[in-house]
């Protein structure tokens, strides 16, 4: 639903946003701005801002207490701007503010028209198996293009500390788990699930693979963080949600993508670990193994250690969802953010162990 310019929108007052954009973009018509929330709001908040001057997208951190490094708008703005000249499709950044406008950092980027595949595919889009295959291939094309970007040449040479990246990631998500577990309204996880999550973290820490390459990593690369062309499912027009991007091990992106990826005929372990609807089980979409084959063919990386990265992806996603559940219980974010997520932590942890034990993926 579109919110009128006189009605406050959680996290972004339309009148305030409109006044800022009228100056930042040099057009008084932005004072008539209307805001519409986009997406589920589980990460940074995203709004479509419409006015007689046009339409743009506003990004800001969630309202309420969040992890200190999890929603760094400056980093997101920087990486999108740096990747603009590359083969990675990203929106153009139009304006940014450090916190004076909304009380939190924010930025505005161009609105990229297209299709963001969510629970179900839009009627008539990617309606054939060949088109769905093309969409999966496009995901691998863009991921490989991202991992081929020279960070230094793109102005991102200091964007992260790639050495020891995976070791720090295990510690970081372990710390986030402790915050979700020990807060005033801790996430409801039983003792066995907590023990298994700790054991998964320890297994990962004990056997970290050596990185084959250091690249820009997205941090949450998946189907519904991409805008696909409305007429051509084999073309991605923009990659979104760069809030976790840094320099690190590219296989971390692939491993997490596989955790998200449903496929037809998934066994009970995989099915239980994927509580949210996804269209990728439809005929034509590549299987997880086919995604891996496509990625390695494009990048030349060895998929041998990939089970470890899938296990890490399951661990990371379990902690991310636990954090969302804890924030909902604390009342800092709306209850609808947790829709479908209750009971999701344990199955993801079980998936991590399953893959590390040699289970299929």
Protein backbone atom coordinates (compact mmCIF):
# COMPACT_ATOMS: atom_id res chain seq x y z
CA UNK A 1 0.00 0.00 0.00
CA UNK A 2 1.27 3.46 -0.86
CA UNK A 3 1.62 5.81 2.12
CA UNK A 4 0.62 9.43 1.65
CA UNK A 5 3.24 12.13 2.13
CA UNK A 6 1.48 13.22 5.34
CA UNK A 7 1.44 9.77 6.96
CA UNK A 8 4.61 8.61 8.76
CA UNK A 9 6.15 5.42 7.40
CA UNK A 10 8.14 3.31 9.91
CA UNK A 11 11.78 4.29 9.48
CA UNK A 12 11.18 6.97 6.85
CA UNK A 13 8.78 9.92 7.00
CA UNK A 14 7.67 10.77 3.44
CA UNK A 15 7.69 14.53 4.01
CA UNK A 16 11.23 14.41 5.39
CA UNK A 17 12.44 12.18 2.56
CA UNK A 18 10.76 14.40 -0.02
CA UNK A 19 12.35 17.57 1.33
CA UNK A 20 15.79 15.94 1.29
CA UNK A 21 15.41 14.61 -2.25
CA UNK A 22 14.18 17.94 -3.55
CA UNK A 23 17.59 19.34 -2.62
CA UNK A 24 19.76 16.27 -3.28
CA UNK A 25 18.25 15.61 -6.71
CA UNK A 26 17.53 19.23 -7.59
CA UNK A 27 13.80 18.93 -8.26
CA UNK A 28 11.08 20.45 -6.06
CA UNK A 29 8.58 17.84 -7.25
CA UNK A 30 10.18 15.35 -4.86
CA UNK A 31 8.40 17.21 -2.03
CA UNK A 32 5.29 15.28 -3.08
CA UNK A 33 7.01 11.97 -2.35
CA UNK A 34 5.01 8.90 -1.46
CA UNK A 35 6.64 5.80 0.08
CA UNK A 36 5.84 2.13 -0.35
CA UNK A 37 7.69 -0.60 1.56
CA UNK A 38 9.41 -3.17 -0.64
CA UNK A 39 10.21 -6.71 0.48
CA UNK A 40 9.86 -8.49 3.81
CA UNK A 41 12.11 -6.11 5.73
CA UNK A 42 14.29 -8.85 7.23
CA UNK A 43 17.43 -6.97 6.19
CA UNK A 44 17.84 -3.26 5.57
CA UNK A 45 14.55 -1.47 5.03
CA UNK A 46 13.73 -0.69 1.42
CA UNK A 47 11.17 1.77 0.09
CA UNK A 48 9.97 2.80 -3.33
CA UNK A 49 9.82 6.61 -3.34
CA UNK A 50 7.44 7.99 -5.96
CA UNK A 51 6.71 11.57 -6.98
CA UNK A 52 5.87 13.58 -10.10
CA UNK A 53 9.64 13.72 -10.63
CA UNK A 54 9.89 9.94 -10.96
CA UNK A 55 10.62 6.95 -8.75
CA UNK A 56 13.71 5.86 -6.83
CA UNK A 57 14.59 3.38 -4.08
CA UNK A 58 15.54 4.36 -0.51
CA UNK A 59 17.58 2.07 1.75
CA UNK A 60 18.11 2.45 5.50
CA UNK A 61 18.92 0.13 8.44
CA UNK A 62 16.11 -1.61 10.33
CA UNK A 63 14.36 0.28 13.10
CA UNK A 64 15.37 -1.05 16.52
CA UNK A 65 18.53 -2.52 17.96
CA UNK A 66 20.60 -4.49 15.43
CA UNK A 67 24.09 -5.93 15.23
CA UNK A 68 26.66 -3.16 14.96
CA UNK A 69 28.20 -4.33 11.68
CA UNK A 70 25.23 -6.07 10.08
CA UNK A 71 23.60 -3.06 8.40
CA UNK A 72 26.44 -0.75 7.36
CA UNK A 73 24.85 1.54 4.79
CA UNK A 74 28.14 3.20 3.92
CA UNK A 75 29.65 -0.10 2.86
CA UNK A 76 26.61 -1.02 0.81
CA UNK A 77 26.63 2.32 -0.97
CA UNK A 78 30.37 2.09 -1.58
CA UNK A 79 30.37 -1.36 -3.14
CA UNK A 80 27.40 -0.60 -5.39
CA UNK A 81 29.10 2.56 -6.63
CA UNK A 82 32.41 0.77 -7.17
CA UNK A 83 30.82 -2.06 -9.16
CA UNK A 84 28.92 0.31 -11.45
CA UNK A 85 31.51 0.18 -14.27
CA UNK A 86 31.97 -3.61 -13.97
CA UNK A 87 30.12 -6.52 -15.59
CA UNK A 88 28.09 -6.91 -12.38
CA UNK A 89 24.68 -5.23 -12.83
CA UNK A 90 23.91 -2.85 -9.95
CA UNK A 91 21.65 0.18 -9.51
CA UNK A 92 23.19 3.65 -9.72
CA UNK A 93 23.53 5.46 -6.37
CA UNK A 94 21.88 8.90 -6.61
CA UNK A 95 22.20 10.40 -3.10
CA UNK A 96 23.38 9.44 0.39
CA UNK A 97 23.16 10.79 3.93
CA UNK A 98 25.11 9.92 7.09
CA UNK A 99 22.13 10.17 9.44
CA UNK A 100 20.98 13.79 9.50
CA UNK A 101 17.83 13.09 7.48
CA UNK A 102 16.37 9.95 9.07
CA UNK A 103 18.45 9.59 12.22
CA UNK A 104 20.27 6.69 10.56
CA UNK A 105 22.46 6.45 7.46
CA UNK A 106 20.57 6.00 4.22
CA UNK A 107 21.02 6.23 0.48
CA UNK A 108 18.89 6.49 -2.63
CA UNK A 109 19.47 4.51 -5.80
CA UNK A 110 17.78 4.20 -9.14
CA UNK A 111 14.69 2.02 -9.41
CA UNK A 112 15.48 -0.91 -11.69
CA UNK A 113 12.37 -2.30 -13.32
CA UNK A 114 12.03 -6.05 -13.65
CA UNK A 115 11.07 -9.20 -11.80
CA UNK A 116 12.30 -10.23 -8.35
CA UNK A 117 11.33 -13.93 -8.04
CA UNK A 118 9.89 -14.50 -4.58
CA UNK A 119 7.61 -17.32 -3.39
CA UNK A 120 6.01 -17.86 -6.79
CA UNK A 121 6.96 -16.78 -10.27
CA UNK A 122 4.78 -14.04 -11.79
CA UNK A 123 2.23 -15.38 -14.24
CA UNK A 124 3.75 -15.61 -17.69
CA UNK A 125 7.33 -15.00 -16.54
CA UNK A 126 9.86 -17.87 -16.93
CA UNK A 127 6.92 -20.06 -17.87
CA UNK A 128 8.99 -22.62 -19.78
CA UNK A 129 11.69 -24.96 -18.56
CA UNK A 130 14.18 -23.36 -20.96
CA UNK A 131 13.50 -19.92 -19.49
CA UNK A 132 13.91 -21.18 -15.93
CA UNK A 133 17.18 -22.83 -16.92
CA UNK A 134 18.29 -19.52 -18.40
CA UNK A 135 17.50 -17.74 -15.13
CA UNK A 136 19.67 -20.21 -13.21
CA UNK A 137 22.46 -19.81 -15.74
CA UNK A 138 22.25 -16.03 -15.40
CA UNK A 139 22.74 -16.36 -11.63
CA UNK A 140 26.01 -18.19 -12.24
CA UNK A 141 27.10 -15.74 -14.94
CA UNK A 142 26.72 -12.81 -12.57
CA UNK A 143 28.23 -14.56 -9.55
CA UNK A 144 31.26 -15.51 -11.63
CA UNK A 145 31.49 -11.93 -12.93
CA UNK A 146 31.45 -10.60 -9.36
CA UNK A 147 34.20 -12.98 -8.31
CA UNK A 148 36.27 -11.92 -11.34
CA UNK A 149 36.31 -8.23 -10.31
CA UNK A 150 39.77 -7.01 -9.32
CA UNK A 151 39.12 -5.36 -5.93
CA UNK A 152 42.05 -2.98 -6.19
CA UNK A 153 41.16 -1.87 -9.71
CA UNK A 154 37.56 -1.25 -8.59
CA UNK A 155 38.71 0.90 -5.67
CA UNK A 156 37.84 -1.81 -3.15
CA UNK A 157 41.32 -2.92 -2.19
CA UNK A 158 40.71 -1.91 1.43
CA UNK A 159 37.09 -3.10 1.56
CA UNK A 160 37.91 -6.02 3.84
CA UNK A 161 40.62 -8.27 5.24
CA UNK A 162 40.53 -11.38 3.06
CA UNK A 163 43.23 -13.26 4.98
CA UNK A 164 41.57 -15.28 7.72
CA UNK A 165 38.13 -14.36 6.39
CA UNK A 166 36.37 -17.66 7.07
CA UNK A 167 37.87 -17.98 10.55
CA UNK A 168 36.54 -14.51 11.41
CA UNK A 169 33.17 -15.36 9.92
CA UNK A 170 32.80 -18.35 12.22
CA UNK A 171 33.64 -16.17 15.21
CA UNK A 172 31.36 -13.37 14.05
CA UNK A 173 28.31 -15.58 13.64
CA UNK A 174 29.11 -17.32 16.90
CA UNK A 175 28.98 -13.92 18.59
CA UNK A 176 25.69 -13.13 16.86
CA UNK A 177 24.31 -16.45 18.07
CA UNK A 178 25.27 -15.61 21.66
CA UNK A 179 23.45 -12.28 21.35
CA UNK A 180 20.29 -13.98 20.09
CA UNK A 181 20.51 -16.66 22.79
CA UNK A 182 21.33 -14.43 25.75
CA UNK A 183 19.24 -11.32 25.10
CA UNK A 184 16.30 -10.14 27.17
CA UNK A 185 13.96 -12.14 24.91
CA UNK A 186 16.14 -15.03 23.72
CA UNK A 187 15.27 -17.07 20.67
CA UNK A 188 13.42 -20.28 21.62
CA UNK A 189 15.95 -23.05 20.95
CA UNK A 190 16.08 -26.18 23.06
CA UNK A 191 19.23 -27.49 24.71
CA UNK A 192 19.87 -30.16 22.09
CA UNK A 193 19.63 -27.65 19.23
CA UNK A 194 21.95 -25.26 21.04
CA UNK A 195 24.45 -28.05 21.64
CA UNK A 196 24.33 -29.08 17.99
CA UNK A 197 24.84 -25.50 16.81
CA UNK A 198 27.88 -25.17 19.04
CA UNK A 199 29.21 -28.47 17.75
CA UNK A 200 28.68 -27.35 14.15
CA UNK A 201 30.63 -24.17 14.82
CA UNK A 202 33.45 -26.19 16.35
CA UNK A 203 33.54 -28.61 13.41
CA UNK A 204 33.76 -25.74 10.96
CA UNK A 205 36.49 -23.97 12.93
CA UNK A 206 38.57 -27.13 13.12
CA UNK A 207 38.78 -27.65 9.35
CA UNK A 208 38.70 -24.33 7.50
CA UNK A 209 39.73 -24.79 3.85
CA UNK A 210 42.46 -22.62 2.40
CA UNK A 211 40.93 -19.95 0.16
CA UNK A 212 41.65 -20.56 -3.51
CA UNK A 213 41.08 -16.90 -4.32
CA UNK A 214 40.23 -13.64 -2.58
CA UNK A 215 37.43 -11.63 -4.19
CA UNK A 216 34.57 -9.27 -3.52
CA UNK A 217 31.84 -11.41 -1.95
CA UNK A 218 28.17 -10.45 -1.81
CA UNK A 219 27.35 -12.19 1.47
CA UNK A 220 23.71 -13.05 0.68
CA UNK A 221 23.59 -13.94 -3.01
CA UNK A 222 20.31 -15.62 -3.95
CA UNK A 223 17.53 -15.64 -6.51
CA UNK A 224 15.35 -13.04 -4.79
CA UNK A 225 18.21 -10.59 -4.33
CA UNK A 226 18.32 -10.16 -8.10
CA UNK A 227 16.13 -8.17 -10.49
CA UNK A 228 15.56 -10.14 -13.68
CA UNK A 229 14.49 -8.67 -17.00
CA UNK A 230 10.71 -8.81 -17.36
CA UNK A 231 10.95 -10.09 -20.93
CA UNK A 232 14.14 -12.16 -20.75
CA UNK A 233 14.55 -14.40 -17.67
CA UNK A 234 18.10 -15.09 -18.79
CA UNK A 235 19.18 -11.53 -18.05
CA UNK A 236 19.78 -10.06 -14.58
CA UNK A 237 19.32 -6.29 -14.55
CA UNK A 238 20.54 -5.64 -10.99
CA UNK A 239 21.89 -7.41 -7.91
CA UNK A 240 20.51 -5.98 -4.67
CA UNK A 241 21.12 -6.11 -0.89
CA UNK A 242 24.89 -5.69 -0.59
CA UNK A 243 24.89 -5.03 3.15
CA UNK A 244 27.08 -8.07 3.98
CA UNK A 245 29.56 -7.56 1.15
CA UNK A 246 33.29 -7.57 1.83
CA UNK A 247 36.53 -9.13 0.57
CA UNK A 248 36.82 -12.83 1.26
CA UNK A 249 36.44 -16.36 -0.02
CA UNK A 250 34.14 -16.57 -3.07
CA UNK A 251 32.99 -20.11 -2.26
CA UNK A 252 31.17 -18.66 0.76
CA UNK A 253 28.73 -17.02 -1.67
CA UNK A 254 28.17 -20.25 -3.56
CA UNK A 255 27.77 -22.32 -0.39
CA UNK A 256 25.05 -20.05 1.00
CA UNK A 257 23.24 -19.91 -2.34
CA UNK A 258 23.04 -23.71 -2.31
CA UNK A 259 21.51 -23.67 1.19
CA UNK A 260 18.74 -21.41 -0.10
CA UNK A 261 18.22 -23.44 -3.29
CA UNK A 262 15.30 -25.88 -3.26
CA UNK A 263 15.17 -28.62 -5.84
CA UNK A 264 12.65 -31.24 -6.84
CA UNK A 265 13.08 -34.48 -4.88
CA UNK A 266 14.89 -32.97 -1.89
CA UNK A 267 15.29 -35.42 0.98
CA UNK A 268 13.83 -34.82 4.43
CA UNK A 269 16.95 -33.08 5.77
CA UNK A 270 17.05 -30.54 2.96
CA UNK A 271 13.29 -29.98 2.94
CA UNK A 272 13.16 -29.32 6.69
CA UNK A 273 15.98 -26.77 6.44
CA UNK A 274 14.20 -24.63 3.84
CA UNK A 275 11.05 -23.33 5.55
CA UNK A 276 10.31 -20.47 3.17
CA UNK A 277 8.63 -20.95 -0.22
CA UNK A 278 10.86 -20.81 -3.29
CA UNK A 279 10.22 -21.43 -6.99
CA UNK A 280 13.57 -23.12 -7.66
CA UNK A 281 12.09 -26.60 -7.32
CA UNK A 282 10.10 -26.07 -10.53
CA UNK A 283 11.16 -28.08 -13.60
CA UNK A 284 13.87 -26.35 -15.59
CA UNK A 285 15.70 -24.63 -12.76
CA UNK A 286 19.19 -26.12 -12.39
CA UNK A 287 19.83 -28.56 -9.57
CA UNK A 288 22.36 -27.61 -6.92
CA UNK A 289 24.93 -29.86 -8.57
CA UNK A 290 24.29 -28.17 -11.89
CA UNK A 291 24.78 -24.77 -10.29
CA UNK A 292 28.11 -25.95 -8.92
CA UNK A 293 29.16 -27.27 -12.32
CA UNK A 294 28.22 -24.02 -14.01
CA UNK A 295 30.07 -21.94 -11.44
CA UNK A 296 33.28 -23.95 -11.52
CA UNK A 297 33.28 -23.98 -15.33
CA UNK A 298 33.11 -20.19 -15.30
CA UNK A 299 35.64 -19.56 -12.52
CA UNK A 300 38.05 -22.48 -12.60
CA UNK A 301 37.70 -22.95 -8.84
CA UNK A 302 37.84 -26.43 -7.33
CA UNK A 303 34.52 -27.61 -5.88
CA UNK A 304 36.20 -30.26 -3.73
CA UNK A 305 35.92 -28.36 -0.42
CA UNK A 306 32.39 -27.11 -1.19
CA UNK A 307 30.66 -29.29 1.46
CA UNK A 308 32.44 -27.23 4.10
CA UNK A 309 31.09 -23.99 2.60
CA UNK A 310 27.56 -25.40 2.42
CA UNK A 311 27.90 -26.40 6.07
CA UNK A 312 29.04 -22.89 6.90
CA UNK A 313 26.15 -21.43 4.90
CA UNK A 314 23.69 -23.48 6.95
CA UNK A 315 25.36 -22.30 10.18
CA UNK A 316 25.30 -18.66 9.10
CA UNK A 317 21.67 -18.76 7.99
CA UNK A 318 20.63 -20.47 11.23
CA UNK A 319 22.18 -17.62 13.21
CA UNK A 320 20.70 -14.94 10.93
CA UNK A 321 17.21 -16.38 11.41
CA UNK A 322 17.77 -16.73 15.17
CA UNK A 323 18.64 -13.04 15.28
CA UNK A 324 15.46 -12.12 13.44
CA UNK A 325 13.38 -14.26 15.81
CA UNK A 326 15.05 -12.65 18.83
CA UNK A 327 14.38 -9.13 17.52
CA UNK A 328 10.74 -10.00 16.92
CA UNK A 329 10.40 -11.38 20.45
CA UNK A 330 11.99 -8.21 21.82
CA UNK A 331 9.40 -6.14 19.97
CA UNK A 332 11.98 -4.15 18.02
CA UNK A 333 10.65 -5.35 14.66
CA UNK A 334 7.16 -6.41 13.47
CA UNK A 335 5.95 -9.97 14.06
CA UNK A 336 5.41 -10.54 10.34
CA UNK A 337 9.17 -10.58 9.87
CA UNK A 338 9.23 -13.98 11.59
CA UNK A 339 6.48 -15.50 9.45
CA UNK A 340 7.50 -19.05 8.55
CA UNK A 341 10.73 -18.92 10.58
CA UNK A 342 9.68 -20.55 13.87
CA UNK A 343 11.57 -23.79 14.35
CA UNK A 344 13.99 -23.06 11.50
CA UNK A 345 17.26 -23.01 13.47
CA UNK A 346 17.47 -26.70 14.38
CA UNK A 347 16.85 -28.04 10.85
CA UNK A 348 19.49 -25.73 9.39
CA UNK A 349 22.01 -26.92 11.97
CA UNK A 350 21.09 -30.51 11.12
CA UNK A 351 21.67 -29.73 7.44
CA UNK A 352 25.11 -28.36 8.23
CA UNK A 353 26.10 -31.58 10.00
CA UNK A 354 24.50 -33.66 7.23
CA UNK A 355 26.63 -32.06 4.52
CA UNK A 356 29.84 -32.19 6.58
CA UNK A 357 29.15 -35.88 7.18
CA UNK A 358 29.13 -36.51 3.44
CA UNK A 359 25.42 -36.11 2.83
CA UNK A 360 24.19 -35.07 -0.58
CA UNK A 361 23.83 -31.51 -1.73
